[in-house]
């Protein structure tokens, strides 16, 4: 049984690393950002991370972190004119990736709370 849990954690770990790297590279390289299925790939990787990696004790941290990224990130980065295009693109990709994971975590939290 422990072997299966280790395998799923490794899949989730690799999905996290690939998703984060893809989000950053797509923000920095316009040719990658123009790829048609980039958003779909980021969402699928985020869903995998949400299902396999996020522990119950990390739910609030993930949701608050994503909320902070969404609310503060775009407004703050727009005041840095030299790099704002790249930083905003990276941030939007990370929000897309983490948002899919947060969606899964939020649904799991709602289901857990209503099971009482």
PDB file of N, CA and C in Angstrom:
ATOM      1  N   UNK A   1       0.813  -1.197   0.000  1.00  0.00           N
ATOM      2  CA  UNK A   1       0.000   0.000   0.000  1.00  0.00           C
ATOM      3  C   UNK A   1       0.860   1.266   0.000  1.00  0.00           C
ATOM      4  N   UNK A   2       1.961   1.237   0.715  1.00  0.00           N
ATOM      5  CA  UNK A   2       2.831   2.408   0.762  1.00  0.00           C
ATOM      6  C   UNK A   2       3.441   2.692  -0.605  1.00  0.00           C
ATOM      7  N   UNK A   3       3.704   1.641  -1.373  1.00  0.00           N
ATOM      8  CA  UNK A   3       4.280   1.805  -2.705  1.00  0.00           C
ATOM      9  C   UNK A   3       3.341   2.605  -3.616  1.00  0.00           C
ATOM     10  N   UNK A   4       2.041   2.318  -3.545  1.00  0.00           N
ATOM     11  CA  UNK A   4       1.073   3.025  -4.383  1.00  0.00           C
ATOM     12  C   UNK A   4       1.017   4.499  -4.000  1.00  0.00           C
ATOM     13  N   UNK A   5       1.048   4.813  -2.714  1.00  0.00           N
ATOM     14  CA  UNK A   5       1.008   6.198  -2.273  1.00  0.00           C
ATOM     15  C   UNK A   5       2.265   6.939  -2.728  1.00  0.00           C
ATOM     16  N   UNK A   6       3.417   6.269  -2.680  1.00  0.00           N
ATOM     17  CA  UNK A   6       4.651   6.883  -3.143  1.00  0.00           C
ATOM     18  C   UNK A   6       4.584   7.184  -4.637  1.00  0.00           C
ATOM     19  N   UNK A   7       4.017   6.265  -5.420  1.00  0.00           N
ATOM     20  CA  UNK A   7       3.902   6.480  -6.865  1.00  0.00           C
ATOM     21  C   UNK A   7       2.994   7.659  -7.183  1.00  0.00           C
ATOM     22  N   UNK A   8       1.871   7.772  -6.502  1.00  0.00           N
ATOM     23  CA  UNK A   8       0.972   8.891  -6.771  1.00  0.00           C
ATOM     24  C   UNK A   8       1.594  10.208  -6.332  1.00  0.00           C
ATOM     25  N   UNK A   9       2.327  10.205  -5.236  1.00  0.00           N
ATOM     26  CA  UNK A   9       2.998  11.428  -4.803  1.00  0.00           C
ATOM     27  C   UNK A   9       4.073  11.837  -5.814  1.00  0.00           C
ATOM     28  N   UNK A  10       4.761  10.860  -6.402  1.00  0.00           N
ATOM     29  CA  UNK A  10       5.783  11.172  -7.405  1.00  0.00           C
ATOM     30  C   UNK A  10       5.144  11.738  -8.674  1.00  0.00           C
ATOM     31  N   UNK A  11       4.022  11.177  -9.081  1.00  0.00           N
ATOM     32  CA  UNK A  11       3.319  11.708 -10.255  1.00  0.00           C
ATOM     33  C   UNK A  11       2.890  13.139  -9.985  1.00  0.00           C
ATOM     34  N   UNK A  12       2.332  13.380  -8.811  1.00  0.00           N
ATOM     35  CA  UNK A  12       1.931  14.731  -8.438  1.00  0.00           C
ATOM     36  C   UNK A  12       3.107  15.680  -8.353  1.00  0.00           C
ATOM     37  N   UNK A  13       4.220  15.198  -7.840  1.00  0.00           N
ATOM     38  CA  UNK A  13       5.427  16.026  -7.731  1.00  0.00           C
ATOM     39  C   UNK A  13       5.946  16.414  -9.111  1.00  0.00           C
ATOM     40  N   UNK A  14       6.007  15.444 -10.020  1.00  0.00           N
ATOM     41  CA  UNK A  14       6.458  15.738 -11.376  1.00  0.00           C
ATOM     42  C   UNK A  14       5.476  16.657 -12.103  1.00  0.00           C
ATOM     43  N   UNK A  15       4.193  16.474 -11.894  1.00  0.00           N
ATOM     44  CA  UNK A  15       3.194  17.354 -12.507  1.00  0.00           C
ATOM     45  C   UNK A  15       3.373  18.782 -12.005  1.00  0.00           C
ATOM     46  N   UNK A  16       3.680  18.924 -10.719  1.00  0.00           N
ATOM     47  CA  UNK A  16       3.905  20.251 -10.134  1.00  0.00           C
ATOM     48  C   UNK A  16       5.131  20.913 -10.755  1.00  0.00           C
ATOM     49  N   UNK A  17       6.230  20.179 -10.828  1.00  0.00           N
ATOM     50  CA  UNK A  17       7.464  20.737 -11.374  1.00  0.00           C
ATOM     51  C   UNK A  17       7.287  21.104 -12.847  1.00  0.00           C
ATOM     52  N   UNK A  18       6.689  20.213 -13.624  1.00  0.00           N
ATOM     53  CA  UNK A  18       6.482  20.473 -15.053  1.00  0.00           C
ATOM     54  C   UNK A  18       5.538  21.661 -15.249  1.00  0.00           C
ATOM     55  N   UNK A  19       4.454  21.707 -14.475  1.00  0.00           N
ATOM     56  CA  UNK A  19       3.499  22.804 -14.601  1.00  0.00           C
ATOM     57  C   UNK A  19       4.109  24.147 -14.264  1.00  0.00           C
ATOM     58  N   UNK A  20       4.883  24.190 -13.194  1.00  0.00           N
ATOM     59  CA  UNK A  20       5.511  25.451 -12.796  1.00  0.00           C
ATOM     60  C   UNK A  20       6.549  25.894 -13.828  1.00  0.00           C
ATOM     61  N   UNK A  21       7.364  24.963 -14.294  1.00  0.00           N
ATOM     62  CA  UNK A  21       8.353  25.308 -15.319  1.00  0.00           C
ATOM     63  C   UNK A  21       7.685  25.754 -16.619  1.00  0.00           C
ATOM     64  N   UNK A  22       6.640  25.054 -17.011  1.00  0.00           N
ATOM     65  CA  UNK A  22       5.927  25.417 -18.233  1.00  0.00           C
ATOM     66  C   UNK A  22       5.289  26.802 -18.103  1.00  0.00           C
ATOM     67  N   UNK A  23       4.752  27.112 -16.938  1.00  0.00           N
ATOM     68  CA  UNK A  23       4.144  28.429 -16.719  1.00  0.00           C
ATOM     69  C   UNK A  23       5.184  29.536 -16.842  1.00  0.00           C
ATOM     70  N   UNK A  24       6.362  29.320 -16.294  1.00  0.00           N
ATOM     71  CA  UNK A  24       7.417  30.335 -16.357  1.00  0.00           C
ATOM     72  C   UNK A  24       7.965  30.453 -17.778  1.00  0.00           C
ATOM     73  N   UNK A  25       8.263  29.328 -18.412  1.00  0.00           N
ATOM     74  CA  UNK A  25       8.809  29.361 -19.782  1.00  0.00           C
ATOM     75  C   UNK A  25       7.804  29.990 -20.738  1.00  0.00           C
ATOM     76  N   UNK A  26       6.538  29.655 -20.590  1.00  0.00           N
ATOM     77  CA  UNK A  26       5.520  30.232 -21.478  1.00  0.00           C
ATOM     78  C   UNK A  26       5.384  31.731 -21.270  1.00  0.00           C
ATOM     79  N   UNK A  27       5.669  32.201 -20.080  1.00  0.00           N
ATOM     80  CA  UNK A  27       5.632  33.638 -19.838  1.00  0.00           C
ATOM     81  C   UNK A  27       6.830  34.368 -20.416  1.00  0.00           C
ATOM     82  N   UNK A  28       7.949  33.672 -20.497  1.00  0.00           N
ATOM     83  CA  UNK A  28       9.172  34.306 -20.978  1.00  0.00           C
ATOM     84  C   UNK A  28       9.390  34.163 -22.481  1.00  0.00           C
ATOM     85  N   UNK A  29       8.889  33.079 -23.073  1.00  0.00           N
ATOM     86  CA  UNK A  29       9.126  32.805 -24.491  1.00  0.00           C
ATOM     87  C   UNK A  29       7.809  32.932 -25.254  1.00  0.00           C
ATOM     88  N   UNK A  30       7.680  33.957 -26.062  1.00  0.00           N
ATOM     89  CA  UNK A  30       6.416  34.169 -26.785  1.00  0.00           C
ATOM     90  C   UNK A  30       6.001  33.001 -27.682  1.00  0.00           C
ATOM     91  N   UNK A  31       6.948  32.262 -28.237  1.00  0.00           N
ATOM     92  CA  UNK A  31       6.602  31.134 -29.110  1.00  0.00           C
ATOM     93  C   UNK A  31       5.882  30.041 -28.325  1.00  0.00           C
ATOM     94  N   UNK A  32       6.283  29.826 -27.087  1.00  0.00           N
ATOM     95  CA  UNK A  32       5.620  28.822 -26.251  1.00  0.00           C
ATOM     96  C   UNK A  32       4.259  29.336 -25.807  1.00  0.00           C
ATOM     97  N   UNK A  33       4.174  30.618 -25.501  1.00  0.00           N
ATOM     98  CA  UNK A  33       2.920  31.215 -25.047  1.00  0.00           C
ATOM     99  C   UNK A  33       1.846  31.141 -26.131  1.00  0.00           C
ATOM    100  N   UNK A  34       2.260  31.126 -27.392  1.00  0.00           N
ATOM    101  CA  UNK A  34       1.308  31.067 -28.491  1.00  0.00           C
ATOM    102  C   UNK A  34       0.816  29.661 -28.794  1.00  0.00           C
ATOM    103  N   UNK A  35       1.334  28.678 -28.094  1.00  0.00           N
ATOM    104  CA  UNK A  35       0.922  27.295 -28.323  1.00  0.00           C
ATOM    105  C   UNK A  35      -0.549  27.124 -27.973  1.00  0.00           C
ATOM    106  N   UNK A  36      -1.295  26.529 -28.867  1.00  0.00           N
ATOM    107  CA  UNK A  36      -2.743  26.451 -28.748  1.00  0.00           C
ATOM    108  C   UNK A  36      -3.221  25.752 -27.485  1.00  0.00           C
ATOM    109  N   UNK A  37      -2.588  24.669 -27.122  1.00  0.00           N
ATOM    110  CA  UNK A  37      -3.076  23.868 -26.005  1.00  0.00           C
ATOM    111  C   UNK A  37      -2.358  24.152 -24.690  1.00  0.00           C
ATOM    112  N   UNK A  38      -1.638  25.259 -24.601  1.00  0.00           N
ATOM    113  CA  UNK A  38      -0.895  25.582 -23.386  1.00  0.00           C
ATOM    114  C   UNK A  38      -1.810  25.676 -22.167  1.00  0.00           C
ATOM    115  N   UNK A  39      -2.911  26.390 -22.294  1.00  0.00           N
ATOM    116  CA  UNK A  39      -3.832  26.543 -21.165  1.00  0.00           C
ATOM    117  C   UNK A  39      -4.411  25.199 -20.729  1.00  0.00           C
ATOM    118  N   UNK A  40      -4.759  24.373 -21.694  1.00  0.00           N
ATOM    119  CA  UNK A  40      -5.295  23.054 -21.371  1.00  0.00           C
ATOM    120  C   UNK A  40      -4.269  22.199 -20.636  1.00  0.00           C
ATOM    121  N   UNK A  41      -3.029  22.245 -21.086  1.00  0.00           N
ATOM    122  CA  UNK A  41      -1.969  21.477 -20.436  1.00  0.00           C
ATOM    123  C   UNK A  41      -1.762  21.963 -19.009  1.00  0.00           C
ATOM    124  N   UNK A  42      -1.744  23.283 -18.812  1.00  0.00           N
ATOM    125  CA  UNK A  42      -1.575  23.825 -17.464  1.00  0.00           C
ATOM    126  C   UNK A  42      -2.727  23.430 -16.551  1.00  0.00           C
ATOM    127  N   UNK A  43      -3.940  23.456 -17.068  1.00  0.00           N
ATOM    128  CA  UNK A  43      -5.104  23.077 -16.263  1.00  0.00           C
ATOM    129  C   UNK A  43      -5.055  21.596 -15.905  1.00  0.00           C
ATOM    130  N   UNK A  44      -4.724  20.748 -16.860  1.00  0.00           N
ATOM    131  CA  UNK A  44      -4.652  19.306 -16.580  1.00  0.00           C
ATOM    132  C   UNK A  44      -3.572  19.013 -15.549  1.00  0.00           C
ATOM    133  N   UNK A  45      -2.413  19.642 -15.697  1.00  0.00           N
ATOM    134  CA  UNK A  45      -1.353  19.448 -14.703  1.00  0.00           C
ATOM    135  C   UNK A  45      -1.792  19.966 -13.332  1.00  0.00           C
ATOM    136  N   UNK A  46      -2.498  21.085 -13.300  1.00  0.00           N
ATOM    137  CA  UNK A  46      -3.015  21.607 -12.034  1.00  0.00           C
ATOM    138  C   UNK A  46      -4.022  20.670 -11.385  1.00  0.00           C
ATOM    139  N   UNK A  47      -4.875  20.065 -12.202  1.00  0.00           N
ATOM    140  CA  UNK A  47      -5.840  19.101 -11.668  1.00  0.00           C
ATOM    141  C   UNK A  47      -5.127  17.888 -11.076  1.00  0.00           C
ATOM    142  N   UNK A  48      -4.086  17.427 -11.751  1.00  0.00           N
ATOM    143  CA  UNK A  48      -3.316  16.292 -11.231  1.00  0.00           C
ATOM    144  C   UNK A  48      -2.685  16.657  -9.892  1.00  0.00           C
ATOM    145  N   UNK A  49      -2.107  17.838  -9.816  1.00  0.00           N
ATOM    146  CA  UNK A  49      -1.499  18.285  -8.558  1.00  0.00           C
ATOM    147  C   UNK A  49      -2.561  18.387  -7.465  1.00  0.00           C
ATOM    148  N   UNK A  50      -3.713  18.938  -7.802  1.00  0.00           N
ATOM    149  CA  UNK A  50      -4.783  19.071  -6.811  1.00  0.00           C
ATOM    150  C   UNK A  50      -5.267  17.735  -6.277  1.00  0.00           C
ATOM    151  N   UNK A  51      -5.361  16.753  -7.152  1.00  0.00           N
ATOM    152  CA  UNK A  51      -5.815  15.427  -6.731  1.00  0.00           C
ATOM    153  C   UNK A  51      -4.751  14.666  -5.949  1.00  0.00           C
ATOM    154  N   UNK A  52      -3.498  14.794  -6.357  1.00  0.00           N
ATOM    155  CA  UNK A  52      -2.472  13.897  -5.833  1.00  0.00           C
ATOM    156  C   UNK A  52      -1.525  14.508  -4.817  1.00  0.00           C
ATOM    157  N   UNK A  53      -1.383  15.814  -4.796  1.00  0.00           N
ATOM    158  CA  UNK A  53      -0.322  16.406  -3.979  1.00  0.00           C
ATOM    159  C   UNK A  53      -0.791  17.174  -2.754  1.00  0.00           C
ATOM    160  N   UNK A  54      -1.919  17.805  -2.826  1.00  0.00           N
ATOM    161  CA  UNK A  54      -2.315  18.715  -1.764  1.00  0.00           C
ATOM    162  C   UNK A  54      -2.915  17.931  -0.604  1.00  0.00           C
ATOM    163  N   UNK A  55      -2.272  18.048   0.543  1.00  0.00           N
ATOM    164  CA  UNK A  55      -2.754  17.374   1.739  1.00  0.00           C
ATOM    165  C   UNK A  55      -3.832  18.217   2.404  1.00  0.00           C
ATOM    166  N   UNK A  56      -4.624  17.587   3.235  1.00  0.00           N
ATOM    167  CA  UNK A  56      -5.738  18.277   3.890  1.00  0.00           C
ATOM    168  C   UNK A  56      -5.256  19.447   4.749  1.00  0.00           C
ATOM    169  N   UNK A  57      -4.082  19.310   5.341  1.00  0.00           N
ATOM    170  CA  UNK A  57      -3.570  20.384   6.197  1.00  0.00           C
ATOM    171  C   UNK A  57      -3.112  21.603   5.400  1.00  0.00           C
ATOM    172  N   UNK A  58      -2.939  21.464   4.077  1.00  0.00           N
ATOM    173  CA  UNK A  58      -2.467  22.564   3.234  1.00  0.00           C
ATOM    174  C   UNK A  58      -3.572  23.266   2.456  1.00  0.00           C
ATOM    175  N   UNK A  59      -4.807  22.888   2.688  1.00  0.00           N
ATOM    176  CA  UNK A  59      -5.922  23.436   1.908  1.00  0.00           C
ATOM    177  C   UNK A  59      -6.027  24.945   2.069  1.00  0.00           C
ATOM    178  N   UNK A  60      -6.064  25.419   3.293  1.00  0.00           N
ATOM    179  CA  UNK A  60      -6.237  26.851   3.541  1.00  0.00           C
ATOM    180  C   UNK A  60      -5.052  27.634   2.988  1.00  0.00           C
ATOM    181  N   UNK A  61      -3.847  27.113   3.158  1.00  0.00           N
ATOM    182  CA  UNK A  61      -2.653  27.789   2.650  1.00  0.00           C
ATOM    183  C   UNK A  61      -2.708  27.940   1.137  1.00  0.00           C
ATOM    184  N   UNK A  62      -3.078  26.879   0.446  1.00  0.00           N
ATOM    185  CA  UNK A  62      -3.165  26.939  -1.013  1.00  0.00           C
ATOM    186  C   UNK A  62      -4.221  27.941  -1.466  1.00  0.00           C
ATOM    187  N   UNK A  63      -5.395  27.873  -0.866  1.00  0.00           N
ATOM    188  CA  UNK A  63      -6.473  28.761  -1.294  1.00  0.00           C
ATOM    189  C   UNK A  63      -6.152  30.229  -0.999  1.00  0.00           C
ATOM    190  N   UNK A  64      -5.569  30.508   0.156  1.00  0.00           N
ATOM    191  CA  UNK A  64      -5.192  31.891   0.474  1.00  0.00           C
ATOM    192  C   UNK A  64      -4.058  32.383  -0.419  1.00  0.00           C
ATOM    193  N   UNK A  65      -3.104  31.508  -0.711  1.00  0.00           N
ATOM    194  CA  UNK A  65      -2.005  31.888  -1.592  1.00  0.00           C
ATOM    195  C   UNK A  65      -2.489  32.233  -2.987  1.00  0.00           C
ATOM    196  N   UNK A  66      -3.388  31.427  -3.507  1.00  0.00           N
ATOM    197  CA  UNK A  66      -3.932  31.700  -4.833  1.00  0.00           C
ATOM    198  C   UNK A  66      -4.763  32.976  -4.836  1.00  0.00           C
ATOM    199  N   UNK A  67      -5.504  33.186  -3.781  1.00  0.00           N
ATOM    200  CA  UNK A  67      -6.287  34.415  -3.666  1.00  0.00           C
ATOM    201  C   UNK A  67      -5.376  35.643  -3.646  1.00  0.00           C
ATOM    202  N   UNK A  68      -4.284  35.568  -2.903  1.00  0.00           N
ATOM    203  CA  UNK A  68      -3.339  36.678  -2.849  1.00  0.00           C
ATOM    204  C   UNK A  68      -2.680  36.913  -4.203  1.00  0.00           C
ATOM    205  N   UNK A  69      -2.296  35.839  -4.876  1.00  0.00           N
ATOM    206  CA  UNK A  69      -1.709  35.985  -6.216  1.00  0.00           C
ATOM    207  C   UNK A  69      -2.672  36.666  -7.178  1.00  0.00           C
ATOM    208  N   UNK A  70      -3.910  36.256  -7.114  1.00  0.00           N
ATOM    209  CA  UNK A  70      -4.904  36.792  -8.036  1.00  0.00           C
ATOM    210  C   UNK A  70      -5.209  38.255  -7.758  1.00  0.00           C
ATOM    211  N   UNK A  71      -5.427  38.585  -6.512  1.00  0.00           N
ATOM    212  CA  UNK A  71      -5.850  39.950  -6.166  1.00  0.00           C
ATOM    213  C   UNK A  71      -4.705  40.947  -6.256  1.00  0.00           C
ATOM    214  N   UNK A  72      -3.618  40.646  -5.622  1.00  0.00           N
ATOM    215  CA  UNK A  72      -2.531  41.608  -5.507  1.00  0.00           C
ATOM    216  C   UNK A  72      -1.582  41.557  -6.701  1.00  0.00           C
ATOM    217  N   UNK A  73      -1.366  40.365  -7.238  1.00  0.00           N
ATOM    218  CA  UNK A  73      -0.350  40.181  -8.264  1.00  0.00           C
ATOM    219  C   UNK A  73      -0.482  41.063  -9.478  1.00  0.00           C
ATOM    220  N   UNK A  74      -1.607  41.038 -10.135  1.00  0.00           N
ATOM    221  CA  UNK A  74      -1.759  41.807 -11.372  1.00  0.00           C
ATOM    222  C   UNK A  74      -1.644  43.309 -11.135  1.00  0.00           C
ATOM    223  N   UNK A  75      -2.211  43.806 -10.072  1.00  0.00           N
ATOM    224  CA  UNK A  75      -2.153  45.237  -9.796  1.00  0.00           C
ATOM    225  C   UNK A  75      -0.733  45.687  -9.464  1.00  0.00           C
ATOM    226  N   UNK A  76      -0.017  44.888  -8.725  1.00  0.00           N
ATOM    227  CA  UNK A  76       1.330  45.250  -8.310  1.00  0.00           C
ATOM    228  C   UNK A  76       2.315  45.196  -9.462  1.00  0.00           C
ATOM    229  N   UNK A  77       2.219  44.182 -10.294  1.00  0.00           N
ATOM    230  CA  UNK A  77       3.188  44.011 -11.369  1.00  0.00           C
ATOM    231  C   UNK A  77       3.039  45.034 -12.485  1.00  0.00           C
ATOM    232  N   UNK A  78       1.900  45.636 -12.607  1.00  0.00           N
ATOM    233  CA  UNK A  78       1.697  46.577 -13.706  1.00  0.00           C
ATOM    234  C   UNK A  78       2.472  47.876 -13.521  1.00  0.00           C
ATOM    235  N   UNK A  79       3.040  48.123 -12.352  1.00  0.00           N
ATOM    236  CA  UNK A  79       3.790  49.367 -12.128  1.00  0.00           C
ATOM    237  C   UNK A  79       5.264  49.235 -12.491  1.00  0.00           C
ATOM    238  N   UNK A  80       5.691  48.066 -12.946  1.00  0.00           N
ATOM    239  CA  UNK A  80       7.083  47.864 -13.354  1.00  0.00           C
ATOM    240  C   UNK A  80       7.097  47.766 -14.876  1.00  0.00           C
ATOM    241  N   UNK A  81       7.237  48.902 -15.578  1.00  0.00           N
ATOM    242  CA  UNK A  81       7.053  48.906 -17.026  1.00  0.00           C
ATOM    243  C   UNK A  81       8.064  48.067 -17.811  1.00  0.00           C
ATOM    244  N   UNK A  82       9.288  47.963 -17.361  1.00  0.00           N
ATOM    245  CA  UNK A  82      10.314  47.276 -18.147  1.00  0.00           C
ATOM    246  C   UNK A  82      10.062  45.780 -18.267  1.00  0.00           C
ATOM    247  N   UNK A  83       9.522  45.176 -17.238  1.00  0.00           N
ATOM    248  CA  UNK A  83       9.355  43.720 -17.250  1.00  0.00           C
ATOM    249  C   UNK A  83       7.913  43.285 -17.012  1.00  0.00           C
ATOM    250  N   UNK A  84       7.003  44.216 -16.984  1.00  0.00           N
ATOM    251  CA  UNK A  84       5.641  43.840 -16.596  1.00  0.00           C
ATOM    252  C   UNK A  84       4.985  42.868 -17.560  1.00  0.00           C
ATOM    253  N   UNK A  85       5.301  42.914 -18.844  1.00  0.00           N
ATOM    254  CA  UNK A  85       4.693  41.993 -19.810  1.00  0.00           C
ATOM    255  C   UNK A  85       5.054  40.551 -19.479  1.00  0.00           C
ATOM    256  N   UNK A  86       6.324  40.326 -19.209  1.00  0.00           N
ATOM    257  CA  UNK A  86       6.771  38.966 -18.885  1.00  0.00           C
ATOM    258  C   UNK A  86       6.258  38.505 -17.527  1.00  0.00           C
ATOM    259  N   UNK A  87       6.363  39.387 -16.529  1.00  0.00           N
ATOM    260  CA  UNK A  87       5.922  39.006 -15.187  1.00  0.00           C
ATOM    261  C   UNK A  87       4.421  38.745 -15.132  1.00  0.00           C
ATOM    262  N   UNK A  88       3.655  39.555 -15.823  1.00  0.00           N
ATOM    263  CA  UNK A  88       2.206  39.346 -15.830  1.00  0.00           C
ATOM    264  C   UNK A  88       1.863  38.046 -16.550  1.00  0.00           C
ATOM    265  N   UNK A  89       2.554  37.753 -17.648  1.00  0.00           N
ATOM    266  CA  UNK A  89       2.307  36.494 -18.373  1.00  0.00           C
ATOM    267  C   UNK A  89       2.654  35.291 -17.495  1.00  0.00           C
ATOM    268  N   UNK A  90       3.782  35.366 -16.785  1.00  0.00           N
ATOM    269  CA  UNK A  90       4.164  34.279 -15.875  1.00  0.00           C
ATOM    270  C   UNK A  90       3.132  34.128 -14.780  1.00  0.00           C
ATOM    271  N   UNK A  91       2.723  35.245 -14.189  1.00  0.00           N
ATOM    272  CA  UNK A  91       1.737  35.211 -13.107  1.00  0.00           C
ATOM    273  C   UNK A  91       0.407  34.631 -13.582  1.00  0.00           C
ATOM    274  N   UNK A  92      -0.037  35.027 -14.754  1.00  0.00           N
ATOM    275  CA  UNK A  92      -1.296  34.498 -15.281  1.00  0.00           C
ATOM    276  C   UNK A  92      -1.210  32.990 -15.519  1.00  0.00           C
ATOM    277  N   UNK A  93      -0.080  32.526 -15.998  1.00  0.00           N
ATOM    278  CA  UNK A  93       0.094  31.088 -16.203  1.00  0.00           C
ATOM    279  C   UNK A  93       0.117  30.335 -14.878  1.00  0.00           C
ATOM    280  N   UNK A  94       0.796  30.899 -13.887  1.00  0.00           N
ATOM    281  CA  UNK A  94       0.840  30.256 -12.572  1.00  0.00           C
ATOM    282  C   UNK A  94      -0.549  30.235 -11.946  1.00  0.00           C
ATOM    283  N   UNK A  95      -1.294  31.322 -12.094  1.00  0.00           N
ATOM    284  CA  UNK A  95      -2.657  31.368 -11.554  1.00  0.00           C
ATOM    285  C   UNK A  95      -3.535  30.334 -12.253  1.00  0.00           C
ATOM    286  N   UNK A  96      -3.370  30.172 -13.549  1.00  0.00           N
ATOM    287  CA  UNK A  96      -4.132  29.161 -14.281  1.00  0.00           C
ATOM    288  C   UNK A  96      -3.800  27.764 -13.776  1.00  0.00           C
ATOM    289  N   UNK A  97      -2.520  27.495 -13.600  1.00  0.00           N
ATOM    290  CA  UNK A  97      -2.050  26.195 -13.118  1.00  0.00           C
ATOM    291  C   UNK A  97      -2.512  25.944 -11.674  1.00  0.00           C
ATOM    292  N   UNK A  98      -2.245  26.902 -10.788  1.00  0.00           N
ATOM    293  CA  UNK A  98      -2.608  26.734  -9.379  1.00  0.00           C
ATOM    294  C   UNK A  98      -4.117  26.817  -9.184  1.00  0.00           C
ATOM    295  N   UNK A  99      -4.792  27.552 -10.043  1.00  0.00           N
ATOM    296  CA  UNK A  99      -6.248  27.662  -9.939  1.00  0.00           C
ATOM    297  C   UNK A  99      -6.944  26.335 -10.159  1.00  0.00           C
ATOM    298  N   UNK A 100      -6.426  25.535 -11.073  1.00  0.00           N
ATOM    299  CA  UNK A 100      -6.998  24.205 -11.303  1.00  0.00           C
ATOM    300  C   UNK A 100      -6.800  23.326 -10.074  1.00  0.00           C
ATOM    301  N   UNK A 101      -5.608  23.406  -9.466  1.00  0.00           N
ATOM    302  CA  UNK A 101      -5.354  22.645  -8.239  1.00  0.00           C
ATOM    303  C   UNK A 101      -6.258  23.137  -7.114  1.00  0.00           C
ATOM    304  N   UNK A 102      -6.418  24.444  -7.015  1.00  0.00           N
ATOM    305  CA  UNK A 102      -7.275  25.011  -5.967  1.00  0.00           C
ATOM    306  C   UNK A 102      -8.733  24.620  -6.168  1.00  0.00           C
ATOM    307  N   UNK A 103      -9.161  24.514  -7.416  1.00  0.00           N
ATOM    308  CA  UNK A 103     -10.526  24.083  -7.701  1.00  0.00           C
ATOM    309  C   UNK A 103     -10.775  22.694  -7.128  1.00  0.00           C
ATOM    310  N   UNK A 104      -9.846  21.781  -7.390  1.00  0.00           N
ATOM    311  CA  UNK A 104      -9.981  20.412  -6.879  1.00  0.00           C
ATOM    312  C   UNK A 104      -9.974  20.412  -5.355  1.00  0.00           C
ATOM    313  N   UNK A 105      -9.057  21.174  -4.777  1.00  0.00           N
ATOM    314  CA  UNK A 105      -8.941  21.227  -3.318  1.00  0.00           C
ATOM    315  C   UNK A 105     -10.204  21.819  -2.698  1.00  0.00           C
ATOM    316  N   UNK A 106     -10.756  22.855  -3.312  1.00  0.00           N
ATOM    317  CA  UNK A 106     -11.976  23.471  -2.780  1.00  0.00           C
ATOM    318  C   UNK A 106     -13.156  22.506  -2.846  1.00  0.00           C
ATOM    319  N   UNK A 107     -13.282  21.785  -3.941  1.00  0.00           N
ATOM    320  CA  UNK A 107     -14.360  20.793  -4.062  1.00  0.00           C
ATOM    321  C   UNK A 107     -14.183  19.698  -3.017  1.00  0.00           C
ATOM    322  N   UNK A 108     -12.940  19.216  -2.841  1.00  0.00           N
ATOM    323  CA  UNK A 108     -12.684  18.197  -1.827  1.00  0.00           C
ATOM    324  C   UNK A 108     -13.007  18.723  -0.429  1.00  0.00           C
ATOM    325  N   UNK A 109     -12.696  19.986  -0.159  1.00  0.00           N
ATOM    326  CA  UNK A 109     -12.984  20.572   1.155  1.00  0.00           C
ATOM    327  C   UNK A 109     -14.487  20.672   1.386  1.00  0.00           C
ATOM    328  N   UNK A 110     -15.227  21.067   0.362  1.00  0.00           N
ATOM    329  CA  UNK A 110     -16.682  21.155   0.492  1.00  0.00           C
ATOM    330  C   UNK A 110     -17.277  19.764   0.740  1.00  0.00           C
ATOM    331  N   UNK A 111     -16.815  18.788  -0.002  1.00  0.00           N
ATOM    332  CA  UNK A 111     -17.336  17.431   0.187  1.00  0.00           C
ATOM    333  C   UNK A 111     -16.990  16.886   1.574  1.00  0.00           C
ATOM    334  N   UNK A 112     -15.786  17.187   2.044  1.00  0.00           N
ATOM    335  CA  UNK A 112     -15.388  16.738   3.375  1.00  0.00           C
ATOM    336  C   UNK A 112     -16.237  17.391   4.457  1.00  0.00           C
ATOM    337  N   UNK A 113     -16.523  18.663   4.302  1.00  0.00           N
ATOM    338  CA  UNK A 113     -17.312  19.379   5.312  1.00  0.00           C
ATOM    339  C   UNK A 113     -18.760  18.934   5.328  1.00  0.00           C
ATOM    340  N   UNK A 114     -19.279  18.578   4.199  1.00  0.00           N
ATOM    341  CA  UNK A 114     -20.700  18.200   4.144  1.00  0.00           C
ATOM    342  C   UNK A 114     -20.936  16.728   4.479  1.00  0.00           C
ATOM    343  N   UNK A 115     -19.885  15.957   4.683  1.00  0.00           N
ATOM    344  CA  UNK A 115     -20.041  14.543   5.023  1.00  0.00           C
ATOM    345  C   UNK A 115     -20.508  14.326   6.449  1.00  0.00           C
ATOM    346  N   UNK A 116     -20.381  15.306   7.282  1.00  0.00           N
ATOM    347  CA  UNK A 116     -20.726  15.168   8.707  1.00  0.00           C
ATOM    348  C   UNK A 116     -22.095  14.586   8.866  1.00  0.00           C
TER     349      UNK A 116
END
